[in-house]
């Protein structure tokens, strides 16, 4: 089964930073829009950010705008999520997911084709 692999999670103090990575050895991500999602304890999984296959289009949830930055390096087959000014409410399991299509600029959670198993981010003092 084709799967993505997330890394970079961990424990960080409020105001700190983390960079998450998403990659796979199973297929090239060049033709896929990539989304980052998170699931906090007791809550449903929600979209955090999305980047188009070329990297030319990005979007963010209101709760992370100005603090998180999504980017991709297709040569490394990797997508990143730089998270700054982290808050306790950012705590959760972060998942990346891929959706086939060069014209995709949004990442609806129900439309994603492949998922990773997630990486845990804990923001706490």
Protein backbone atom coordinates (compact mmCIF):
# COMPACT_ATOMS: atom_id res chain seq x y z
CA UNK A 1 0.00 0.00 0.00
CA UNK A 2 1.37 3.37 -1.01
CA UNK A 3 2.06 5.48 2.04
CA UNK A 4 3.65 8.73 3.08
CA UNK A 5 6.05 9.11 6.01
CA UNK A 6 6.01 12.08 8.36
CA UNK A 7 8.85 13.10 10.67
CA UNK A 8 9.94 16.02 12.82
CA UNK A 9 7.39 15.93 15.59
CA UNK A 10 8.27 16.23 19.23
CA UNK A 11 7.86 18.18 22.45
CA UNK A 12 8.35 21.93 22.26
CA UNK A 13 7.64 24.83 24.59
CA UNK A 14 5.04 27.47 23.71
CA UNK A 15 6.57 29.99 21.33
CA UNK A 16 8.96 27.40 19.94
CA UNK A 17 9.34 26.00 16.44
CA UNK A 18 9.32 22.67 14.68
CA UNK A 19 9.69 21.62 11.06
CA UNK A 20 7.75 18.61 9.87
CA UNK A 21 8.72 16.64 6.79
CA UNK A 22 6.63 14.41 4.55
CA UNK A 23 8.14 12.04 2.02
CA UNK A 24 7.74 8.66 0.37
CA UNK A 25 9.91 6.20 -1.48
CA UNK A 26 6.91 4.60 -3.19
CA UNK A 27 6.12 7.24 -5.80
CA UNK A 28 7.04 10.73 -6.95
CA UNK A 29 5.15 13.56 -5.32
CA UNK A 30 5.58 15.83 -8.36
CA UNK A 31 2.03 15.27 -9.58
CA UNK A 32 0.34 15.54 -6.21
CA UNK A 33 -1.04 18.32 -4.10
CA UNK A 34 0.03 17.72 -0.51
CA UNK A 35 -1.95 18.60 2.57
CA UNK A 36 -1.08 18.70 6.24
CA UNK A 37 -3.81 17.77 8.68
CA UNK A 38 -3.90 17.43 12.44
CA UNK A 39 -5.99 15.69 15.02
CA UNK A 40 -6.03 17.00 18.56
CA UNK A 41 -7.25 14.91 21.50
CA UNK A 42 -11.02 14.65 21.45
CA UNK A 43 -11.35 16.49 18.16
CA UNK A 44 -11.88 15.55 14.55
CA UNK A 45 -9.04 15.66 12.05
CA UNK A 46 -8.79 19.10 10.47
CA UNK A 47 -6.93 20.66 7.57
CA UNK A 48 -3.91 22.79 8.38
CA UNK A 49 -2.32 23.65 5.05
CA UNK A 50 -2.18 22.62 1.41
CA UNK A 51 0.33 23.11 -1.39
CA UNK A 52 -0.17 22.51 -5.10
CA UNK A 53 2.04 20.13 -7.07
CA UNK A 54 4.17 22.98 -8.41
CA UNK A 55 4.31 24.80 -5.09
CA UNK A 56 2.76 27.86 -6.70
CA UNK A 57 -0.40 27.77 -4.63
CA UNK A 58 -0.64 27.42 -0.87
CA UNK A 59 -3.38 27.88 1.67
CA UNK A 60 -3.71 27.74 5.44
CA UNK A 61 -6.29 27.33 8.14
CA UNK A 62 -7.07 30.64 9.84
CA UNK A 63 -5.70 29.30 13.11
CA UNK A 64 -2.17 28.91 11.70
CA UNK A 65 -1.92 31.77 9.20
CA UNK A 66 1.19 33.84 9.77
CA UNK A 67 2.79 31.14 11.93
CA UNK A 68 3.04 28.07 9.67
CA UNK A 69 4.65 27.84 6.25
CA UNK A 70 4.24 24.95 3.83
CA UNK A 71 6.85 24.32 1.15
CA UNK A 72 8.08 21.54 -1.06
CA UNK A 73 11.30 20.37 -2.65
CA UNK A 74 10.33 18.09 -5.52
CA UNK A 75 13.97 17.20 -6.14
CA UNK A 76 13.99 15.65 -2.66
CA UNK A 77 10.44 14.35 -2.99
CA UNK A 78 9.63 16.07 0.28
CA UNK A 79 7.09 18.54 1.60
CA UNK A 80 7.72 20.58 4.72
CA UNK A 81 5.62 22.35 7.32
CA UNK A 82 7.54 25.00 9.24
CA UNK A 83 5.71 25.76 12.45
CA UNK A 84 6.67 28.86 14.43
CA UNK A 85 5.21 30.56 17.49
CA UNK A 86 3.65 27.28 18.55
CA UNK A 87 0.76 27.31 20.97
CA UNK A 88 -0.58 24.57 23.26
CA UNK A 89 -3.64 24.33 21.01
CA UNK A 90 -1.36 23.23 18.17
CA UNK A 91 -0.81 19.96 20.02
CA UNK A 92 -1.91 16.89 18.09
CA UNK A 93 -0.95 14.23 15.62
CA UNK A 94 0.03 15.76 12.30
CA UNK A 95 -0.61 13.84 9.11
CA UNK A 96 0.40 14.52 5.54
CA UNK A 97 -1.68 13.33 2.62
CA UNK A 98 -1.42 13.38 -1.15
CA UNK A 99 -4.03 14.05 -3.80
CA UNK A 100 -3.26 13.40 -7.47
CA UNK A 101 -3.66 16.33 -9.83
CA UNK A 102 -1.50 19.16 -11.16
CA UNK A 103 -4.44 21.59 -11.04
CA UNK A 104 -5.32 20.95 -7.42
CA UNK A 105 -5.07 23.99 -5.13
CA UNK A 106 -7.20 22.75 -2.25
CA UNK A 107 -6.91 19.60 -0.16
CA UNK A 108 -10.35 18.41 0.98
CA UNK A 109 -9.82 15.77 3.63
CA UNK A 110 -12.19 13.30 1.97
CA UNK A 111 -10.46 13.65 -1.40
CA UNK A 112 -6.93 12.75 -0.33
CA UNK A 113 -5.62 9.55 -1.88
CA UNK A 114 -2.68 8.56 0.29
CA UNK A 115 -1.92 9.19 3.94
CA UNK A 116 0.92 8.87 6.39
CA UNK A 117 0.66 7.45 9.88
CA UNK A 118 1.28 10.77 11.56
CA UNK A 119 3.81 12.43 13.84
CA UNK A 120 3.00 13.72 17.31
CA UNK A 121 3.51 17.38 18.16
CA UNK A 122 3.21 18.38 21.80
CA UNK A 123 3.37 22.03 22.79
CA UNK A 124 3.73 22.33 26.51
CA UNK A 125 5.82 24.02 29.17
